Amino acid sequence: MSNHGAISTMVYKDTNAALNFFTSVLGFREHAVFRDDKNKVQHAELTLGKAMIMIGSYHPESEFGKMIGTPAETNGLNTQTAYIIIEDVDDHYKNAKSNGAKIVMDIKDEDYGGRGYSCKDPEGCIWNFGNYNPYSEK
């Protein structure tokens, strides 16, 4: 059995607001949250079903921060997005939309199989949710 895997990560200028968005709007649960002495989230690990994402504070002066940016710095352009596999995509879509998520690609069936939608978080990162699972047996 392999311990290999991938976890999507994003940085935020307001990680407290991002954490609130992911938990209250998109249904993620806190796995681990690390705050500084001013209660600002520095790093958080969040789960939704079997998926995990990590969010962190944007520090443009750090070694890593000098290599990345936020959508606000690129006129809203995202160079990467995350795809989160969920079983009940219709229910997730309805909850996200009714809780204020900005839907950028409406829910639809895909030609390659599965059903999904895309939304933006408050800082402009695009998140994709769907039930297409490339790991499942065909």
N, C-alpha and C. Protein backbone atom coordinates (compact mmCIF):
# COMPACT_ATOMS: atom_id res chain seq x y z
N MET A 1 0.84 -1.19 0.00
CA MET A 1 0.00 0.00 0.00
C MET A 1 0.88 1.24 0.00
N SER A 2 0.54 2.19 -0.82
CA SER A 2 1.32 3.41 -0.96
C SER A 2 0.78 4.51 -0.07
N ASN A 3 1.67 5.34 0.43
CA ASN A 3 1.30 6.51 1.20
C ASN A 3 1.31 7.77 0.35
N HIS A 4 1.40 7.61 -0.94
CA HIS A 4 1.45 8.76 -1.84
C HIS A 4 0.06 9.35 -2.02
N GLY A 5 0.00 10.63 -2.21
CA GLY A 5 -1.27 11.30 -2.45
C GLY A 5 -1.00 12.75 -2.79
N ALA A 6 -2.06 13.48 -3.04
CA ALA A 6 -1.94 14.89 -3.36
C ALA A 6 -2.95 15.67 -2.54
N ILE A 7 -2.55 16.83 -2.09
CA ILE A 7 -3.43 17.71 -1.35
C ILE A 7 -3.32 19.10 -1.97
N SER A 8 -4.44 19.65 -2.39
CA SER A 8 -4.44 21.00 -2.95
C SER A 8 -4.20 22.02 -1.85
N THR A 9 -3.42 23.04 -2.18
CA THR A 9 -3.14 24.11 -1.22
C THR A 9 -3.36 25.46 -1.88
N MET A 10 -3.85 26.40 -1.10
CA MET A 10 -4.05 27.77 -1.56
C MET A 10 -3.63 28.71 -0.43
N VAL A 11 -3.19 29.91 -0.82
CA VAL A 11 -2.85 30.92 0.18
C VAL A 11 -3.88 32.05 0.12
N TYR A 12 -4.10 32.67 1.26
CA TYR A 12 -5.10 33.73 1.38
C TYR A 12 -4.56 34.90 2.17
N LYS A 13 -5.00 36.08 1.77
CA LYS A 13 -4.67 37.28 2.53
C LYS A 13 -5.45 37.32 3.83
N ASP A 14 -6.70 36.82 3.82
CA ASP A 14 -7.52 36.75 5.03
C ASP A 14 -7.88 35.28 5.26
N THR A 15 -6.98 34.56 5.92
CA THR A 15 -7.20 33.13 6.14
C THR A 15 -8.35 32.86 7.09
N ASN A 16 -8.64 33.77 8.01
CA ASN A 16 -9.79 33.57 8.90
C ASN A 16 -11.08 33.56 8.08
N ALA A 17 -11.21 34.50 7.15
CA ALA A 17 -12.41 34.56 6.30
C ALA A 17 -12.46 33.34 5.38
N ALA A 18 -11.33 32.91 4.86
CA ALA A 18 -11.29 31.73 3.99
C ALA A 18 -11.73 30.49 4.76
N LEU A 19 -11.23 30.33 5.97
CA LEU A 19 -11.62 29.19 6.80
C LEU A 19 -13.13 29.20 7.04
N ASN A 20 -13.67 30.35 7.34
CA ASN A 20 -15.11 30.47 7.57
C ASN A 20 -15.89 30.11 6.30
N PHE A 21 -15.43 30.56 5.14
CA PHE A 21 -16.09 30.25 3.87
C PHE A 21 -16.10 28.74 3.62
N PHE A 22 -14.96 28.11 3.78
CA PHE A 22 -14.88 26.67 3.51
C PHE A 22 -15.75 25.85 4.45
N THR A 23 -15.81 26.25 5.72
CA THR A 23 -16.60 25.46 6.66
C THR A 23 -18.09 25.80 6.61
N SER A 24 -18.44 27.07 6.48
CA SER A 24 -19.86 27.43 6.54
C SER A 24 -20.56 27.39 5.19
N VAL A 25 -19.85 27.61 4.10
CA VAL A 25 -20.47 27.65 2.77
C VAL A 25 -20.26 26.35 2.00
N LEU A 26 -19.05 25.79 2.06
CA LEU A 26 -18.75 24.61 1.25
C LEU A 26 -18.76 23.30 2.03
N GLY A 27 -19.00 23.34 3.32
CA GLY A 27 -19.17 22.12 4.10
C GLY A 27 -17.90 21.39 4.52
N PHE A 28 -16.75 22.03 4.41
CA PHE A 28 -15.52 21.39 4.88
C PHE A 28 -15.52 21.35 6.41
N ARG A 29 -14.73 20.42 6.95
CA ARG A 29 -14.56 20.30 8.40
C ARG A 29 -13.10 20.56 8.75
N GLU A 30 -12.88 21.17 9.90
CA GLU A 30 -11.52 21.43 10.36
C GLU A 30 -10.85 20.13 10.77
N HIS A 31 -9.71 19.84 10.19
CA HIS A 31 -8.89 18.70 10.60
C HIS A 31 -7.83 19.19 11.58
N ALA A 32 -7.19 20.30 11.23
CA ALA A 32 -6.21 20.95 12.10
C ALA A 32 -6.14 22.42 11.70
N VAL A 33 -6.06 23.29 12.69
CA VAL A 33 -5.95 24.72 12.43
C VAL A 33 -4.88 25.29 13.36
N PHE A 34 -3.93 26.01 12.77
CA PHE A 34 -2.83 26.60 13.53
C PHE A 34 -2.92 28.12 13.41
N ARG A 35 -3.01 28.79 14.55
CA ARG A 35 -3.16 30.25 14.59
C ARG A 35 -1.93 30.88 15.24
N ASP A 36 -1.70 32.15 14.92
CA ASP A 36 -0.62 32.88 15.57
C ASP A 36 -1.14 33.47 16.88
N ASP A 37 -0.30 34.27 17.55
CA ASP A 37 -0.69 34.84 18.84
C ASP A 37 -1.77 35.91 18.73
N LYS A 38 -2.11 36.30 17.49
CA LYS A 38 -3.21 37.27 17.27
C LYS A 38 -4.47 36.56 16.76
N ASN A 39 -4.49 35.23 16.86
CA ASN A 39 -5.61 34.38 16.45
C ASN A 39 -5.83 34.34 14.93
N LYS A 40 -4.82 34.74 14.16
CA LYS A 40 -4.90 34.67 12.71
C LYS A 40 -4.49 33.27 12.25
N VAL A 41 -5.31 32.66 11.40
CA VAL A 41 -5.00 31.34 10.88
C VAL A 41 -3.73 31.44 10.02
N GLN A 42 -2.73 30.65 10.36
CA GLN A 42 -1.52 30.59 9.57
C GLN A 42 -1.53 29.39 8.62
N HIS A 43 -2.16 28.30 9.09
CA HIS A 43 -2.23 27.07 8.31
C HIS A 43 -3.46 26.30 8.78
N ALA A 44 -4.22 25.76 7.84
CA ALA A 44 -5.37 24.93 8.20
C ALA A 44 -5.46 23.76 7.24
N GLU A 45 -5.85 22.63 7.81
CA GLU A 45 -6.10 21.42 7.04
C GLU A 45 -7.59 21.12 7.17
N LEU A 46 -8.26 21.04 6.02
CA LEU A 46 -9.72 20.89 6.00
C LEU A 46 -10.09 19.65 5.20
N THR A 47 -11.16 18.97 5.62
CA THR A 47 -11.60 17.78 4.93
C THR A 47 -13.05 17.92 4.48
N LEU A 48 -13.34 17.24 3.38
CA LEU A 48 -14.70 17.10 2.87
C LEU A 48 -14.77 15.68 2.34
N GLY A 49 -15.46 14.80 3.08
CA GLY A 49 -15.42 13.39 2.74
C GLY A 49 -14.00 12.89 2.88
N LYS A 50 -13.47 12.26 1.84
CA LYS A 50 -12.10 11.75 1.86
C LYS A 50 -11.08 12.77 1.35
N ALA A 51 -11.55 13.90 0.87
CA ALA A 51 -10.66 14.92 0.31
C ALA A 51 -10.10 15.81 1.42
N MET A 52 -8.88 16.26 1.23
CA MET A 52 -8.27 17.22 2.15
C MET A 52 -7.66 18.35 1.34
N ILE A 53 -7.80 19.56 1.86
CA ILE A 53 -7.13 20.73 1.29
C ILE A 53 -6.36 21.41 2.42
N MET A 54 -5.40 22.23 2.05
CA MET A 54 -4.69 23.04 3.04
C MET A 54 -4.74 24.49 2.58
N ILE A 55 -4.99 25.37 3.53
CA ILE A 55 -4.94 26.80 3.25
C ILE A 55 -3.95 27.44 4.21
N GLY A 56 -3.35 28.52 3.75
CA GLY A 56 -2.38 29.21 4.58
C GLY A 56 -2.39 30.69 4.33
N SER A 57 -1.71 31.40 5.22
CA SER A 57 -1.60 32.85 5.08
C SER A 57 -0.60 33.18 3.98
N TYR A 58 -0.94 34.18 3.21
CA TYR A 58 -0.08 34.65 2.12
C TYR A 58 1.00 35.55 2.69
N HIS A 59 2.24 35.16 2.49
CA HIS A 59 3.39 35.94 2.94
C HIS A 59 4.29 36.18 1.72
N PRO A 60 4.04 37.27 0.98
CA PRO A 60 4.80 37.49 -0.26
C PRO A 60 6.30 37.68 -0.04
N GLU A 61 6.70 37.96 1.19
CA GLU A 61 8.12 38.17 1.47
C GLU A 61 8.86 36.85 1.76
N SER A 62 8.12 35.76 1.96
CA SER A 62 8.75 34.47 2.26
C SER A 62 9.31 33.84 0.99
N GLU A 63 10.16 32.85 1.16
CA GLU A 63 10.75 32.16 0.01
C GLU A 63 9.67 31.56 -0.89
N PHE A 64 8.70 30.87 -0.29
CA PHE A 64 7.59 30.29 -1.06
C PHE A 64 6.69 31.39 -1.62
N GLY A 65 6.40 32.40 -0.82
CA GLY A 65 5.51 33.48 -1.22
C GLY A 65 6.01 34.27 -2.42
N LYS A 66 7.30 34.30 -2.62
CA LYS A 66 7.87 35.01 -3.77
C LYS A 66 7.59 34.27 -5.09
N MET A 67 7.17 33.00 -4.98
CA MET A 67 6.93 32.21 -6.19
C MET A 67 5.44 32.08 -6.53
N ILE A 68 4.57 32.56 -5.67
CA ILE A 68 3.13 32.40 -5.89
C ILE A 68 2.43 33.74 -5.76
N GLY A 69 1.18 33.76 -6.11
CA GLY A 69 0.38 34.97 -5.98
C GLY A 69 -1.07 34.60 -5.73
N THR A 70 -1.89 35.58 -5.67
CA THR A 70 -3.32 35.36 -5.50
C THR A 70 -4.03 35.83 -6.77
N PRO A 71 -5.25 35.36 -7.01
CA PRO A 71 -5.98 35.81 -8.20
C PRO A 71 -6.12 37.34 -8.28
N ALA A 72 -6.19 38.01 -7.14
CA ALA A 72 -6.31 39.47 -7.15
C ALA A 72 -5.10 40.14 -7.80
N GLU A 73 -3.97 39.48 -7.73
CA GLU A 73 -2.74 40.03 -8.31
C GLU A 73 -2.57 39.71 -9.79
N THR A 74 -3.47 38.89 -10.33
CA THR A 74 -3.38 38.48 -11.73
C THR A 74 -4.68 38.77 -12.47
N ASN A 75 -5.35 39.84 -12.10
CA ASN A 75 -6.62 40.22 -12.71
C ASN A 75 -7.66 39.09 -12.65
N GLY A 76 -7.63 38.31 -11.57
CA GLY A 76 -8.59 37.24 -11.37
C GLY A 76 -8.23 35.92 -12.01
N LEU A 77 -7.10 35.86 -12.71
CA LEU A 77 -6.68 34.64 -13.38
C LEU A 77 -6.23 33.61 -12.35
N ASN A 78 -6.69 32.39 -12.50
CA ASN A 78 -6.23 31.25 -11.71
C ASN A 78 -5.32 30.42 -12.61
N THR A 79 -4.17 30.02 -12.11
CA THR A 79 -3.30 29.17 -12.92
C THR A 79 -3.47 27.70 -12.55
N GLN A 80 -4.11 27.42 -11.43
CA GLN A 80 -4.43 26.05 -11.03
C GLN A 80 -5.73 26.08 -10.24
N THR A 81 -6.47 24.98 -10.30
CA THR A 81 -7.69 24.86 -9.52
C THR A 81 -7.72 23.47 -8.88
N ALA A 82 -8.57 23.32 -7.89
CA ALA A 82 -8.73 22.02 -7.23
C ALA A 82 -10.04 21.39 -7.68
N TYR A 83 -10.04 20.06 -7.78
CA TYR A 83 -11.25 19.29 -8.08
C TYR A 83 -11.50 18.39 -6.89
N ILE A 84 -12.64 18.56 -6.25
CA ILE A 84 -13.00 17.79 -5.07
C ILE A 84 -14.09 16.80 -5.46
N ILE A 85 -13.82 15.51 -5.27
CA ILE A 85 -14.78 14.46 -5.60
C ILE A 85 -15.79 14.35 -4.45
N ILE A 86 -17.07 14.49 -4.80
CA ILE A 86 -18.14 14.34 -3.82
C ILE A 86 -19.23 13.46 -4.41
N GLU A 87 -19.95 12.76 -3.56
CA GLU A 87 -20.99 11.86 -4.05
C GLU A 87 -22.25 12.61 -4.46
N ASP A 88 -22.78 13.42 -3.58
CA ASP A 88 -24.05 14.10 -3.87
C ASP A 88 -23.78 15.53 -4.34
N VAL A 89 -23.37 15.65 -5.59
CA VAL A 89 -22.98 16.94 -6.13
C VAL A 89 -24.17 17.91 -6.21
N ASP A 90 -25.37 17.40 -6.48
CA ASP A 90 -26.53 18.28 -6.58
C ASP A 90 -26.84 18.94 -5.24
N ASP A 91 -26.77 18.16 -4.17
CA ASP A 91 -27.03 18.70 -2.83
C ASP A 91 -25.94 19.70 -2.44
N HIS A 92 -24.68 19.38 -2.75
CA HIS A 92 -23.57 20.28 -2.43
C HIS A 92 -23.73 21.59 -3.18
N TYR A 93 -24.09 21.51 -4.45
CA TYR A 93 -24.31 22.69 -5.28
C TYR A 93 -25.41 23.58 -4.68
N LYS A 94 -26.55 22.97 -4.33
CA LYS A 94 -27.66 23.74 -3.75
C LYS A 94 -27.25 24.43 -2.46
N ASN A 95 -26.53 23.71 -1.58
CA ASN A 95 -26.07 24.31 -0.32
C ASN A 95 -25.09 25.45 -0.56
N ALA A 96 -24.13 25.22 -1.44
CA ALA A 96 -23.12 26.26 -1.72
C ALA A 96 -23.79 27.50 -2.29
N LYS A 97 -24.67 27.31 -3.27
CA LYS A 97 -25.35 28.43 -3.91
C LYS A 97 -26.23 29.19 -2.92
N SER A 98 -26.98 28.47 -2.09
CA SER A 98 -27.88 29.13 -1.14
C SER A 98 -27.11 29.82 -0.01
N ASN A 99 -25.85 29.43 0.20
CA ASN A 99 -25.03 30.07 1.23
C ASN A 99 -24.11 31.15 0.67
N GLY A 100 -24.31 31.52 -0.59
CA GLY A 100 -23.60 32.66 -1.15
C GLY A 100 -22.37 32.39 -1.97
N ALA A 101 -22.09 31.13 -2.30
CA ALA A 101 -20.93 30.85 -3.16
C ALA A 101 -21.17 31.46 -4.54
N LYS A 102 -20.14 32.03 -5.12
CA LYS A 102 -20.25 32.60 -6.46
C LYS A 102 -20.02 31.48 -7.48
N ILE A 103 -21.10 31.03 -8.10
CA ILE A 103 -21.02 29.94 -9.08
C ILE A 103 -20.48 30.52 -10.39
N VAL A 104 -19.40 29.93 -10.90
CA VAL A 104 -18.81 30.42 -12.15
C VAL A 104 -19.04 29.45 -13.31
N MET A 105 -19.35 28.20 -13.01
CA MET A 105 -19.78 27.22 -14.01
C MET A 105 -20.91 26.43 -13.38
N ASP A 106 -22.09 26.58 -13.94
CA ASP A 106 -23.28 25.96 -13.36
C ASP A 106 -23.17 24.44 -13.40
N ILE A 107 -23.94 23.80 -12.58
CA ILE A 107 -23.92 22.34 -12.50
C ILE A 107 -24.37 21.74 -13.83
N LYS A 108 -23.64 20.69 -14.25
CA LYS A 108 -23.98 20.04 -15.52
C LYS A 108 -23.37 18.65 -15.57
N ASP A 109 -23.91 17.83 -16.47
CA ASP A 109 -23.34 16.52 -16.76
C ASP A 109 -22.21 16.73 -17.75
N GLU A 110 -21.11 16.02 -17.54
CA GLU A 110 -19.94 16.15 -18.40
C GLU A 110 -19.94 15.05 -19.46
N ASP A 111 -19.40 15.34 -20.65
CA ASP A 111 -19.31 14.36 -21.74
C ASP A 111 -18.49 13.14 -21.33
N TYR A 112 -17.48 13.34 -20.50
CA TYR A 112 -16.59 12.25 -20.10
C TYR A 112 -17.12 11.46 -18.91
N GLY A 113 -18.30 11.84 -18.42
CA GLY A 113 -18.91 11.17 -17.26
C GLY A 113 -18.90 12.07 -16.05
N GLY A 114 -19.83 11.83 -15.15
CA GLY A 114 -19.88 12.62 -13.93
C GLY A 114 -20.67 13.90 -14.10
N ARG A 115 -20.83 14.56 -13.01
CA ARG A 115 -21.61 15.80 -12.93
C ARG A 115 -20.86 16.73 -12.00
N GLY A 116 -20.84 18.02 -12.30
CA GLY A 116 -20.11 18.92 -11.43
C GLY A 116 -20.40 20.39 -11.69
N TYR A 117 -19.77 21.21 -10.88
CA TYR A 117 -19.90 22.66 -10.99
C TYR A 117 -18.63 23.30 -10.44
N SER A 118 -18.49 24.61 -10.68
CA SER A 118 -17.33 25.36 -10.20
C SER A 118 -17.79 26.64 -9.54
N CYS A 119 -17.07 27.03 -8.48
CA CYS A 119 -17.37 28.29 -7.79
C CYS A 119 -16.07 28.98 -7.42
N LYS A 120 -16.20 30.26 -7.08
CA LYS A 120 -15.05 31.04 -6.61
C LYS A 120 -15.22 31.30 -5.12
N ASP A 121 -14.09 31.30 -4.43
CA ASP A 121 -14.12 31.69 -3.03
C ASP A 121 -13.99 33.21 -2.95
N PRO A 122 -14.10 33.81 -1.78
CA PRO A 122 -14.07 35.28 -1.68
C PRO A 122 -12.81 35.96 -2.22
N GLU A 123 -11.69 35.23 -2.29
CA GLU A 123 -10.47 35.84 -2.82
C GLU A 123 -10.21 35.46 -4.27
N GLY A 124 -11.17 34.79 -4.91
CA GLY A 124 -11.09 34.53 -6.34
C GLY A 124 -10.54 33.20 -6.77
N CYS A 125 -10.18 32.32 -5.84
CA CYS A 125 -9.71 30.98 -6.21
C CYS A 125 -10.90 30.15 -6.69
N ILE A 126 -10.70 29.39 -7.76
CA ILE A 126 -11.75 28.56 -8.31
C ILE A 126 -11.67 27.16 -7.71
N TRP A 127 -12.84 26.66 -7.30
CA TRP A 127 -12.97 25.32 -6.73
C TRP A 127 -13.99 24.55 -7.55
N ASN A 128 -13.64 23.33 -7.93
CA ASN A 128 -14.50 22.47 -8.73
C ASN A 128 -14.97 21.30 -7.86
N PHE A 129 -16.26 21.00 -7.94
CA PHE A 129 -16.84 19.90 -7.18
C PHE A 129 -17.61 19.01 -8.15
N GLY A 130 -17.41 17.72 -8.04
CA GLY A 130 -18.12 16.82 -8.93
C GLY A 130 -18.07 15.38 -8.47
N ASN A 131 -18.86 14.56 -9.13
CA ASN A 131 -18.88 13.15 -8.75
C ASN A 131 -18.10 12.27 -9.73
N TYR A 132 -17.43 12.87 -10.70
CA TYR A 132 -16.56 12.09 -11.57
C TYR A 132 -15.35 11.64 -10.74
N ASN A 133 -15.10 10.34 -10.74
CA ASN A 133 -13.99 9.81 -9.96
C ASN A 133 -13.09 8.97 -10.85
N PRO A 134 -11.95 9.51 -11.27
CA PRO A 134 -11.08 8.76 -12.15
C PRO A 134 -10.45 7.54 -11.47
N TYR A 135 -10.53 7.46 -10.14
CA TYR A 135 -10.00 6.29 -9.42
C TYR A 135 -10.94 5.10 -9.47
N SER A 136 -12.22 5.34 -9.72
CA SER A 136 -13.19 4.24 -9.68
C SER A 136 -12.99 3.32 -10.88
N GLU A 137 -13.42 2.10 -10.70
CA GLU A 137 -13.31 1.14 -11.78
C GLU A 137 -14.30 1.49 -12.88
N LYS A 138 -13.89 1.35 -14.10
CA LYS A 138 -14.74 1.69 -15.24
C LYS A 138 -15.58 0.51 -15.65
